[in-house]
């Protein structure tokens, strides 16, 4: 631990990696809370995979991958909604069709592109290779996500828990849905360097699910999810640096460990306490 702290003070690349990891953990936890509560986990998975062709096209055109990834992510969200609304195909089937096609296209484009694209880095992430431009991009995206949630918290709260009341109140549910899609796409792009395309959905879902087991209040859930995401990123970065492991994979495993602890030991929802309460009720009934 001491050697890691010394390296952190001496190496700028490690400082960038730590800052970026923490920021990604926070924004994944924040936007992931709404993804979990709205039952949009599969859409999050779809968008995280569908940005791959945008990344490939951006590299081929010599521009920042952020632009191509955001465009393809939004096209994916729109495509899923269009197929679902204009055919007999259900939402989950539309998601599977669009995201698998987009991911396959991205793999082909990367294979044909005459560039030095590292597919493993895109798929699984490598936070230790984060550049200054990536760090600033993550900071900007994080600021946009956090400010949007803060300023429109009430609208997001109502539309998430009671869409019917939100519509009667005059809130544009569809517009709010697509705003969340835009934020989700931006967070996915910001997470590419840290955990990669394949594992980003885990960072979106796992910290938020952990927080969901611990509270019934949305603002507390968002706060806890951000904390779990940030701590998972710090611990994951430490172990990945010390033992030369894949940063994305280690961060996700740490996040999963927090979830398992909450799953079994959460005061209200934990399996252990629920089992003890059930046994206590049986004893009382028998007496």
C-alpha atoms as a PDB file:
ATOM      1  CA  UNK A   1       0.000   0.000   0.000  1.00  0.00           C
ATOM      2  CA  UNK A   2       2.835   2.393   0.878  1.00  0.00           C
ATOM      3  CA  UNK A   3       4.641   1.655  -2.394  1.00  0.00           C
ATOM      4  CA  UNK A   4       1.422   2.334  -4.342  1.00  0.00           C
ATOM      5  CA  UNK A   5       1.035   5.682  -2.555  1.00  0.00           C
ATOM      6  CA  UNK A   6       4.629   6.591  -3.385  1.00  0.00           C
ATOM      7  CA  UNK A   7       4.123   5.624  -7.032  1.00  0.00           C
ATOM      8  CA  UNK A   8       0.965   7.705  -7.063  1.00  0.00           C
ATOM      9  CA  UNK A   9       2.956  10.756  -5.995  1.00  0.00           C
ATOM     10  CA  UNK A  10       5.736  10.107  -8.501  1.00  0.00           C
ATOM     11  CA  UNK A  11       3.934   9.023 -11.674  1.00  0.00           C
ATOM     12  CA  UNK A  12       1.579  11.355 -13.496  1.00  0.00           C
ATOM     13  CA  UNK A  13      -0.028   8.547 -15.501  1.00  0.00           C
ATOM     14  CA  UNK A  14      -1.122   6.885 -12.252  1.00  0.00           C
ATOM     15  CA  UNK A  15      -2.619  10.141 -10.990  1.00  0.00           C
ATOM     16  CA  UNK A  16      -4.615  10.484 -14.229  1.00  0.00           C
ATOM     17  CA  UNK A  17      -5.740   6.872 -13.935  1.00  0.00           C
ATOM     18  CA  UNK A  18      -6.910   7.343 -10.339  1.00  0.00           C
ATOM     19  CA  UNK A  19      -8.809  10.554 -11.073  1.00  0.00           C
ATOM     20  CA  UNK A  20     -10.466   9.080 -14.162  1.00  0.00           C
ATOM     21  CA  UNK A  21     -11.386   5.853 -12.351  1.00  0.00           C
ATOM     22  CA  UNK A  22     -13.019   7.711  -9.475  1.00  0.00           C
ATOM     23  CA  UNK A  23     -14.961   9.978 -11.839  1.00  0.00           C
ATOM     24  CA  UNK A  24     -16.168   7.007 -13.889  1.00  0.00           C
ATOM     25  CA  UNK A  25     -17.206   5.156 -10.736  1.00  0.00           C
ATOM     26  CA  UNK A  26     -19.232   8.153  -9.559  1.00  0.00           C
ATOM     27  CA  UNK A  27     -21.077   8.887 -12.807  1.00  0.00           C
ATOM     28  CA  UNK A  28     -21.754   5.183 -13.447  1.00  0.00           C
ATOM     29  CA  UNK A  29     -23.303   4.933 -10.003  1.00  0.00           C
ATOM     30  CA  UNK A  30     -25.421   8.062 -10.504  1.00  0.00           C
ATOM     31  CA  UNK A  31     -26.860   7.277 -13.939  1.00  0.00           C
ATOM     32  CA  UNK A  32     -26.952   3.556 -13.088  1.00  0.00           C
ATOM     33  CA  UNK A  33     -29.437   4.272 -10.302  1.00  0.00           C
ATOM     34  CA  UNK A  34     -31.995   5.436 -12.852  1.00  0.00           C
ATOM     35  CA  UNK A  35     -31.145   2.563 -15.200  1.00  0.00           C
ATOM     36  CA  UNK A  36     -31.835   0.017 -12.430  1.00  0.00           C
ATOM     37  CA  UNK A  37     -35.057   1.631 -11.218  1.00  0.00           C
ATOM     38  CA  UNK A  38     -36.425   2.034 -14.750  1.00  0.00           C
ATOM     39  CA  UNK A  39     -35.591  -1.553 -15.707  1.00  0.00           C
ATOM     40  CA  UNK A  40     -33.293  -0.388 -18.508  1.00  0.00           C
ATOM     41  CA  UNK A  41     -30.321  -2.661 -17.808  1.00  0.00           C
ATOM     42  CA  UNK A  42     -30.628  -4.414 -21.169  1.00  0.00           C
ATOM     43  CA  UNK A  43     -30.732  -1.078 -23.010  1.00  0.00           C
ATOM     44  CA  UNK A  44     -27.587  -0.050 -21.136  1.00  0.00           C
ATOM     45  CA  UNK A  45     -25.907  -3.251 -22.289  1.00  0.00           C
ATOM     46  CA  UNK A  46     -27.044  -2.596 -25.860  1.00  0.00           C
ATOM     47  CA  UNK A  47     -25.701   0.951 -25.979  1.00  0.00           C
ATOM     48  CA  UNK A  48     -22.401  -0.041 -24.395  1.00  0.00           C
ATOM     49  CA  UNK A  49     -21.847  -2.600 -27.176  1.00  0.00           C
ATOM     50  CA  UNK A  50     -23.278  -0.458 -29.957  1.00  0.00           C
ATOM     51  CA  UNK A  51     -20.689   2.305 -29.561  1.00  0.00           C
ATOM     52  CA  UNK A  52     -17.996   0.019 -31.001  1.00  0.00           C
ATOM     53  CA  UNK A  53     -18.621   0.908 -34.687  1.00  0.00           C
ATOM     54  CA  UNK A  54     -18.567   4.581 -33.742  1.00  0.00           C
ATOM     55  CA  UNK A  55     -15.195   4.105 -32.075  1.00  0.00           C
ATOM     56  CA  UNK A  56     -13.854   2.326 -35.169  1.00  0.00           C
ATOM     57  CA  UNK A  57     -15.155   4.987 -37.570  1.00  0.00           C
ATOM     58  CA  UNK A  58     -13.691   7.750 -35.400  1.00  0.00           C
ATOM     59  CA  UNK A  59     -10.258   6.120 -35.530  1.00  0.00           C
ATOM     60  CA  UNK A  60     -10.549   5.689 -39.295  1.00  0.00           C
ATOM     61  CA  UNK A  61     -11.426   9.390 -39.726  1.00  0.00           C
ATOM     62  CA  UNK A  62      -8.725  10.497 -37.319  1.00  0.00           C
ATOM     63  CA  UNK A  63     -11.104  12.170 -34.855  1.00  0.00           C
ATOM     64  CA  UNK A  64     -11.757  11.689 -31.152  1.00  0.00           C
ATOM     65  CA  UNK A  65     -13.683   8.456 -30.563  1.00  0.00           C
ATOM     66  CA  UNK A  66     -16.124  10.362 -28.351  1.00  0.00           C
ATOM     67  CA  UNK A  67     -17.979  11.823 -31.324  1.00  0.00           C
ATOM     68  CA  UNK A  68     -18.480   8.581 -33.224  1.00  0.00           C
ATOM     69  CA  UNK A  69     -19.400   6.657 -30.079  1.00  0.00           C
ATOM     70  CA  UNK A  70     -22.050   9.170 -29.007  1.00  0.00           C
ATOM     71  CA  UNK A  71     -23.610   9.212 -32.489  1.00  0.00           C
ATOM     72  CA  UNK A  72     -23.824   5.414 -32.769  1.00  0.00           C
ATOM     73  CA  UNK A  73     -25.076   5.142 -29.200  1.00  0.00           C
ATOM     74  CA  UNK A  74     -27.918   7.558 -29.913  1.00  0.00           C
ATOM     75  CA  UNK A  75     -28.725   5.868 -33.239  1.00  0.00           C
ATOM     76  CA  UNK A  76     -28.966   2.583 -31.340  1.00  0.00           C
ATOM     77  CA  UNK A  77     -31.426   4.021 -28.809  1.00  0.00           C
ATOM     78  CA  UNK A  78     -33.531   5.529 -31.598  1.00  0.00           C
ATOM     79  CA  UNK A  79     -33.372   2.310 -33.650  1.00  0.00           C
ATOM     80  CA  UNK A  80     -34.550   0.185 -30.726  1.00  0.00           C
ATOM     81  CA  UNK A  81     -37.476   2.509 -30.083  1.00  0.00           C
ATOM     82  CA  UNK A  82     -38.424   2.657 -33.778  1.00  0.00           C
ATOM     83  CA  UNK A  83     -38.465  -1.135 -34.230  1.00  0.00           C
ATOM     84  CA  UNK A  84     -40.426  -1.618 -31.026  1.00  0.00           C
ATOM     85  CA  UNK A  85     -43.051   0.998 -31.919  1.00  0.00           C
ATOM     86  CA  UNK A  86     -43.489   0.060 -35.580  1.00  0.00           C
ATOM     87  CA  UNK A  87     -43.601  -3.735 -35.507  1.00  0.00           C
ATOM     88  CA  UNK A  88     -44.738  -6.724 -33.452  1.00  0.00           C
ATOM     89  CA  UNK A  89     -41.191  -7.132 -32.150  1.00  0.00           C
ATOM     90  CA  UNK A  90     -41.012  -6.642 -28.400  1.00  0.00           C
ATOM     91  CA  UNK A  91     -38.529  -4.342 -26.722  1.00  0.00           C
ATOM     92  CA  UNK A  92     -36.075  -7.004 -25.540  1.00  0.00           C
ATOM     93  CA  UNK A  93     -35.974  -8.608 -28.994  1.00  0.00           C
ATOM     94  CA  UNK A  94     -35.424  -5.210 -30.647  1.00  0.00           C
ATOM     95  CA  UNK A  95     -32.542  -4.555 -28.248  1.00  0.00           C
ATOM     96  CA  UNK A  96     -30.931  -7.901 -29.085  1.00  0.00           C
ATOM     97  CA  UNK A  97     -31.230  -7.342 -32.839  1.00  0.00           C
ATOM     98  CA  UNK A  98     -29.835  -3.804 -32.871  1.00  0.00           C
ATOM     99  CA  UNK A  99     -26.980  -4.151 -30.414  1.00  0.00           C
ATOM    100  CA  UNK A 100     -25.691  -7.462 -31.782  1.00  0.00           C
ATOM    101  CA  UNK A 101     -25.718  -6.069 -35.333  1.00  0.00           C
ATOM    102  CA  UNK A 102     -23.929  -2.888 -34.226  1.00  0.00           C
ATOM    103  CA  UNK A 103     -21.326  -4.830 -32.257  1.00  0.00           C
ATOM    104  CA  UNK A 104     -20.677  -7.176 -35.191  1.00  0.00           C
ATOM    105  CA  UNK A 105     -20.279  -4.189 -37.519  1.00  0.00           C
ATOM    106  CA  UNK A 106     -17.798  -2.633 -35.113  1.00  0.00           C
ATOM    107  CA  UNK A 107     -15.679  -5.789 -34.987  1.00  0.00           C
ATOM    108  CA  UNK A 108     -15.548  -5.898 -38.814  1.00  0.00           C
ATOM    109  CA  UNK A 109     -14.647  -2.208 -39.084  1.00  0.00           C
ATOM    110  CA  UNK A 110     -11.851  -2.553 -36.550  1.00  0.00           C
ATOM    111  CA  UNK A 111     -10.551  -5.629 -38.355  1.00  0.00           C
ATOM    112  CA  UNK A 112     -10.484  -3.811 -41.710  1.00  0.00           C
ATOM    113  CA  UNK A 113      -9.197  -0.456 -40.472  1.00  0.00           C
ATOM    114  CA  UNK A 114      -5.544   0.228 -41.198  1.00  0.00           C
ATOM    115  CA  UNK A 115      -4.816   1.618 -37.779  1.00  0.00           C
ATOM    116  CA  UNK A 116      -3.280   0.700 -34.471  1.00  0.00           C
ATOM    117  CA  UNK A 117      -6.598   0.167 -32.703  1.00  0.00           C
ATOM    118  CA  UNK A 118      -6.133  -2.129 -29.709  1.00  0.00           C
ATOM    119  CA  UNK A 119      -9.361  -4.143 -29.619  1.00  0.00           C
ATOM    120  CA  UNK A 120      -8.582  -5.619 -26.199  1.00  0.00           C
ATOM    121  CA  UNK A 121      -8.183  -2.126 -24.721  1.00  0.00           C
ATOM    122  CA  UNK A 122     -11.540  -1.045 -26.153  1.00  0.00           C
ATOM    123  CA  UNK A 123     -13.325  -4.208 -25.038  1.00  0.00           C
ATOM    124  CA  UNK A 124     -11.826  -4.581 -21.562  1.00  0.00           C
ATOM    125  CA  UNK A 125     -10.315  -1.172 -20.784  1.00  0.00           C
ATOM    126  CA  UNK A 126      -6.877  -0.087 -19.616  1.00  0.00           C
ATOM    127  CA  UNK A 127      -7.123   2.851 -17.251  1.00  0.00           C
ATOM    128  CA  UNK A 128      -3.335   3.079 -16.901  1.00  0.00           C
ATOM    129  CA  UNK A 129      -3.126   4.269 -20.525  1.00  0.00           C
ATOM    130  CA  UNK A 130      -5.503   7.212 -19.972  1.00  0.00           C
ATOM    131  CA  UNK A 131      -4.327  10.419 -21.646  1.00  0.00           C
ATOM    132  CA  UNK A 132      -4.877  13.959 -20.420  1.00  0.00           C
ATOM    133  CA  UNK A 133      -7.546  14.514 -23.096  1.00  0.00           C
ATOM    134  CA  UNK A 134      -9.422  11.395 -21.890  1.00  0.00           C
ATOM    135  CA  UNK A 135      -9.261  12.616 -18.312  1.00  0.00           C
ATOM    136  CA  UNK A 136     -10.674  16.039 -19.198  1.00  0.00           C
ATOM    137  CA  UNK A 137     -13.378  14.463 -21.348  1.00  0.00           C
ATOM    138  CA  UNK A 138     -14.410  12.288 -18.405  1.00  0.00           C
ATOM    139  CA  UNK A 139     -14.484  15.347 -16.142  1.00  0.00           C
ATOM    140  CA  UNK A 140     -16.699  17.285 -18.577  1.00  0.00           C
ATOM    141  CA  UNK A 141     -19.090  14.353 -19.029  1.00  0.00           C
ATOM    142  CA  UNK A 142     -19.199  13.859 -15.278  1.00  0.00           C
ATOM    143  CA  UNK A 143     -20.061  17.523 -14.736  1.00  0.00           C
ATOM    144  CA  UNK A 144     -22.859  17.353 -17.332  1.00  0.00           C
ATOM    145  CA  UNK A 145     -24.335  14.198 -15.785  1.00  0.00           C
ATOM    146  CA  UNK A 146     -24.174  15.448 -12.201  1.00  0.00           C
ATOM    147  CA  UNK A 147     -25.573  18.906 -13.023  1.00  0.00           C
ATOM    148  CA  UNK A 148     -28.426  17.383 -15.036  1.00  0.00           C
ATOM    149  CA  UNK A 149     -29.388  15.080 -12.176  1.00  0.00           C
ATOM    150  CA  UNK A 150     -29.138  17.891  -9.598  1.00  0.00           C
ATOM    151  CA  UNK A 151     -31.170  20.455 -11.536  1.00  0.00           C
ATOM    152  CA  UNK A 152     -33.824  18.014 -12.808  1.00  0.00           C
ATOM    153  CA  UNK A 153     -33.944  15.670  -9.825  1.00  0.00           C
ATOM    154  CA  UNK A 154     -37.677  16.116  -9.140  1.00  0.00           C
ATOM    155  CA  UNK A 155     -38.613  15.482 -12.779  1.00  0.00           C
ATOM    156  CA  UNK A 156     -36.425  12.383 -12.911  1.00  0.00           C
ATOM    157  CA  UNK A 157     -37.837  11.163  -9.597  1.00  0.00           C
ATOM    158  CA  UNK A 158     -41.488  11.476 -10.630  1.00  0.00           C
ATOM    159  CA  UNK A 159     -41.047  10.048 -14.128  1.00  0.00           C
ATOM    160  CA  UNK A 160     -39.057   7.111 -12.755  1.00  0.00           C
ATOM    161  CA  UNK A 161     -41.499   6.013 -10.030  1.00  0.00           C
ATOM    162  CA  UNK A 162     -44.851   7.104 -11.510  1.00  0.00           C
ATOM    163  CA  UNK A 163     -44.837   7.784 -15.283  1.00  0.00           C
ATOM    164  CA  UNK A 164     -48.642   8.067 -15.349  1.00  0.00           C
ATOM    165  CA  UNK A 165     -48.670  10.822 -12.730  1.00  0.00           C
ATOM    166  CA  UNK A 166     -45.735  12.499 -14.486  1.00  0.00           C
ATOM    167  CA  UNK A 167     -47.686  12.559 -17.762  1.00  0.00           C
ATOM    168  CA  UNK A 168     -50.786  13.923 -16.008  1.00  0.00           C
ATOM    169  CA  UNK A 169     -48.618  16.555 -14.367  1.00  0.00           C
ATOM    170  CA  UNK A 170     -47.390  17.605 -17.823  1.00  0.00           C
ATOM    171  CA  UNK A 171     -43.904  16.128 -17.753  1.00  0.00           C
ATOM    172  CA  UNK A 172     -42.597  14.891 -21.142  1.00  0.00           C
ATOM    173  CA  UNK A 173     -41.839  11.254 -20.284  1.00  0.00           C
ATOM    174  CA  UNK A 174     -40.481  10.397 -23.733  1.00  0.00           C
ATOM    175  CA  UNK A 175     -38.164  13.405 -23.707  1.00  0.00           C
ATOM    176  CA  UNK A 176     -36.908  12.496 -20.221  1.00  0.00           C
ATOM    177  CA  UNK A 177     -36.347   8.919 -21.422  1.00  0.00           C
ATOM    178  CA  UNK A 178     -34.172  10.100 -24.304  1.00  0.00           C
ATOM    179  CA  UNK A 179     -32.297  12.507 -22.040  1.00  0.00           C
ATOM    180  CA  UNK A 180     -31.382   9.515 -19.881  1.00  0.00           C
ATOM    181  CA  UNK A 181     -30.349   7.686 -23.060  1.00  0.00           C
ATOM    182  CA  UNK A 182     -28.045  10.562 -23.994  1.00  0.00           C
ATOM    183  CA  UNK A 183     -26.525  10.623 -20.505  1.00  0.00           C
ATOM    184  CA  UNK A 184     -26.147   6.839 -20.591  1.00  0.00           C
ATOM    185  CA  UNK A 185     -24.327   7.040 -23.930  1.00  0.00           C
ATOM    186  CA  UNK A 186     -21.984   9.742 -22.628  1.00  0.00           C
ATOM    187  CA  UNK A 187     -21.209   7.756 -19.478  1.00  0.00           C
ATOM    188  CA  UNK A 188     -20.549   4.665 -21.598  1.00  0.00           C
ATOM    189  CA  UNK A 189     -18.070   6.587 -23.746  1.00  0.00           C
ATOM    190  CA  UNK A 190     -16.369   8.010 -20.651  1.00  0.00           C
ATOM    191  CA  UNK A 191     -15.996   4.482 -19.256  1.00  0.00           C
ATOM    192  CA  UNK A 192     -14.338   2.944 -22.309  1.00  0.00           C
ATOM    193  CA  UNK A 193     -10.776   3.565 -21.141  1.00  0.00           C
ATOM    194  CA  UNK A 194     -11.484   2.386 -17.590  1.00  0.00           C
ATOM    195  CA  UNK A 195     -13.562  -0.790 -17.877  1.00  0.00           C
ATOM    196  CA  UNK A 196     -14.103  -1.205 -21.631  1.00  0.00           C
ATOM    197  CA  UNK A 197     -17.224  -1.806 -23.690  1.00  0.00           C
ATOM    198  CA  UNK A 198     -17.983  -5.293 -22.389  1.00  0.00           C
ATOM    199  CA  UNK A 199     -17.707  -4.497 -18.684  1.00  0.00           C
ATOM    200  CA  UNK A 200     -19.213  -0.996 -18.588  1.00  0.00           C
ATOM    201  CA  UNK A 201     -22.720  -2.376 -18.048  1.00  0.00           C
ATOM    202  CA  UNK A 202     -21.467  -4.021 -14.842  1.00  0.00           C
ATOM    203  CA  UNK A 203     -20.325  -0.638 -13.499  1.00  0.00           C
ATOM    204  CA  UNK A 204     -23.672   0.855 -14.443  1.00  0.00           C
ATOM    205  CA  UNK A 205     -25.741  -1.864 -12.781  1.00  0.00           C
ATOM    206  CA  UNK A 206     -23.754  -3.368  -9.894  1.00  0.00           C
ATOM    207  CA  UNK A 207     -23.067  -0.310  -7.657  1.00  0.00           C
ATOM    208  CA  UNK A 208     -26.637   0.913  -8.180  1.00  0.00           C
ATOM    209  CA  UNK A 209     -28.056  -2.530  -7.382  1.00  0.00           C
ATOM    210  CA  UNK A 210     -25.914  -2.677  -4.242  1.00  0.00           C
ATOM    211  CA  UNK A 211     -27.272   0.682  -3.128  1.00  0.00           C
ATOM    212  CA  UNK A 212     -30.821  -0.428  -3.968  1.00  0.00           C
ATOM    213  CA  UNK A 213     -30.515  -3.219  -1.396  1.00  0.00           C
ATOM    214  CA  UNK A 214     -29.600  -0.721   1.317  1.00  0.00           C
ATOM    215  CA  UNK A 215     -32.163   2.074   1.006  1.00  0.00           C
ATOM    216  CA  UNK A 216     -35.624   3.031  -0.228  1.00  0.00           C
ATOM    217  CA  UNK A 217     -34.777   6.691  -0.888  1.00  0.00           C
ATOM    218  CA  UNK A 218     -33.642   7.715  -4.360  1.00  0.00           C
ATOM    219  CA  UNK A 219     -31.169  10.409  -3.300  1.00  0.00           C
ATOM    220  CA  UNK A 220     -29.572   8.047  -0.787  1.00  0.00           C
ATOM    221  CA  UNK A 221     -29.402   5.337  -3.443  1.00  0.00           C
ATOM    222  CA  UNK A 222     -27.679   7.704  -5.876  1.00  0.00           C
ATOM    223  CA  UNK A 223     -25.185   8.779  -3.207  1.00  0.00           C
ATOM    224  CA  UNK A 224     -24.412   5.211  -2.109  1.00  0.00           C
ATOM    225  CA  UNK A 225     -24.089   4.023  -5.724  1.00  0.00           C
ATOM    226  CA  UNK A 226     -21.604   6.811  -6.450  1.00  0.00           C
ATOM    227  CA  UNK A 227     -19.609   5.926  -3.326  1.00  0.00           C
ATOM    228  CA  UNK A 228     -19.559   2.204  -4.149  1.00  0.00           C
ATOM    229  CA  UNK A 229     -18.527   2.988  -7.720  1.00  0.00           C
ATOM    230  CA  UNK A 230     -15.705   5.281  -6.609  1.00  0.00           C
ATOM    231  CA  UNK A 231     -14.381   2.892  -3.930  1.00  0.00           C
ATOM    232  CA  UNK A 232     -14.531  -0.046  -6.363  1.00  0.00           C
ATOM    233  CA  UNK A 233     -12.511   1.979  -8.859  1.00  0.00           C
ATOM    234  CA  UNK A 234      -9.857   2.901  -6.292  1.00  0.00           C
ATOM    235  CA  UNK A 235      -9.450  -0.643  -4.956  1.00  0.00           C
ATOM    236  CA  UNK A 236      -9.577  -2.111  -8.473  1.00  0.00           C
ATOM    237  CA  UNK A 237      -6.915   0.291  -9.723  1.00  0.00           C
ATOM    238  CA  UNK A 238      -4.685  -0.593  -6.770  1.00  0.00           C
ATOM    239  CA  UNK A 239      -4.826  -4.344  -7.378  1.00  0.00           C
ATOM    240  CA  UNK A 240      -4.568  -4.014 -11.164  1.00  0.00           C
ATOM    241  CA  UNK A 241      -1.437  -1.857 -10.800  1.00  0.00           C
ATOM    242  CA  UNK A 242       0.239  -3.945  -8.105  1.00  0.00           C
ATOM    243  CA  UNK A 243      -0.444  -7.347  -9.688  1.00  0.00           C
ATOM    244  CA  UNK A 244      -0.481  -6.292 -13.372  1.00  0.00           C
ATOM    245  CA  UNK A 245      -4.109  -7.301 -13.953  1.00  0.00           C
ATOM    246  CA  UNK A 246      -6.811  -5.984 -16.275  1.00  0.00           C
ATOM    247  CA  UNK A 247      -8.079  -2.810 -14.613  1.00  0.00           C
ATOM    248  CA  UNK A 248     -11.659  -3.154 -15.880  1.00  0.00           C
ATOM    249  CA  UNK A 249     -12.016  -6.750 -14.758  1.00  0.00           C
ATOM    250  CA  UNK A 250     -10.633  -6.072 -11.276  1.00  0.00           C
ATOM    251  CA  UNK A 251     -12.840  -3.004 -10.768  1.00  0.00           C
ATOM    252  CA  UNK A 252     -15.924  -5.007 -11.740  1.00  0.00           C
ATOM    253  CA  UNK A 253     -14.965  -7.872  -9.402  1.00  0.00           C
ATOM    254  CA  UNK A 254     -14.516  -5.472  -6.480  1.00  0.00           C
ATOM    255  CA  UNK A 255     -17.913  -3.941  -7.263  1.00  0.00           C
ATOM    256  CA  UNK A 256     -19.437  -7.421  -7.363  1.00  0.00           C
ATOM    257  CA  UNK A 257     -17.888  -8.213  -3.970  1.00  0.00           C
ATOM    258  CA  UNK A 258     -19.674  -5.181  -2.485  1.00  0.00           C
ATOM    259  CA  UNK A 259     -22.919  -6.389  -4.023  1.00  0.00           C
ATOM    260  CA  UNK A 260     -22.535  -9.865  -2.522  1.00  0.00           C
ATOM    261  CA  UNK A 261     -21.872  -8.384   0.922  1.00  0.00           C
ATOM    262  CA  UNK A 262     -25.031  -6.275   0.650  1.00  0.00           C
ATOM    263  CA  UNK A 263     -26.999  -9.203  -0.782  1.00  0.00           C
ATOM    264  CA  UNK A 264     -26.271 -11.359   2.248  1.00  0.00           C
ATOM    265  CA  UNK A 265     -25.824  -8.776   5.039  1.00  0.00           C
ATOM    266  CA  UNK A 266     -28.126  -5.867   4.151  1.00  0.00           C
ATOM    267  CA  UNK A 267     -30.212  -5.079   7.306  1.00  0.00           C
ATOM    268  CA  UNK A 268     -33.571  -5.179   5.486  1.00  0.00           C
ATOM    269  CA  UNK A 269     -32.981  -7.074   2.232  1.00  0.00           C
ATOM    270  CA  UNK A 270     -30.008  -9.291   3.141  1.00  0.00           C
ATOM    271  CA  UNK A 271     -30.476 -13.043   2.837  1.00  0.00           C
ATOM    272  CA  UNK A 272     -28.928 -13.703   6.240  1.00  0.00           C
ATOM    273  CA  UNK A 273     -31.187 -11.328   8.189  1.00  0.00           C
ATOM    274  CA  UNK A 274     -34.277 -12.368   6.219  1.00  0.00           C
ATOM    275  CA  UNK A 275     -33.525 -15.984   7.061  1.00  0.00           C
ATOM    276  CA  UNK A 276     -33.092 -15.150  10.747  1.00  0.00           C
ATOM    277  CA  UNK A 277     -36.343 -13.171  10.801  1.00  0.00           C
ATOM    278  CA  UNK A 278     -38.180 -16.058   9.112  1.00  0.00           C
ATOM    279  CA  UNK A 279     -36.844 -18.527  11.686  1.00  0.00           C
ATOM    280  CA  UNK A 280     -37.808 -16.169  14.508  1.00  0.00           C
ATOM    281  CA  UNK A 281     -41.367 -15.896  13.174  1.00  0.00           C
ATOM    282  CA  UNK A 282     -41.643 -19.690  12.959  1.00  0.00           C
ATOM    283  CA  UNK A 283     -40.474 -20.033  16.557  1.00  0.00           C
ATOM    284  CA  UNK A 284     -43.020 -17.457  17.718  1.00  0.00           C
ATOM    285  CA  UNK A 285     -45.834 -19.215  15.811  1.00  0.00           C
ATOM    286  CA  UNK A 286     -44.885 -22.601  17.270  1.00  0.00           C
ATOM    287  CA  UNK A 287     -44.838 -21.158  20.789  1.00  0.00           C
END
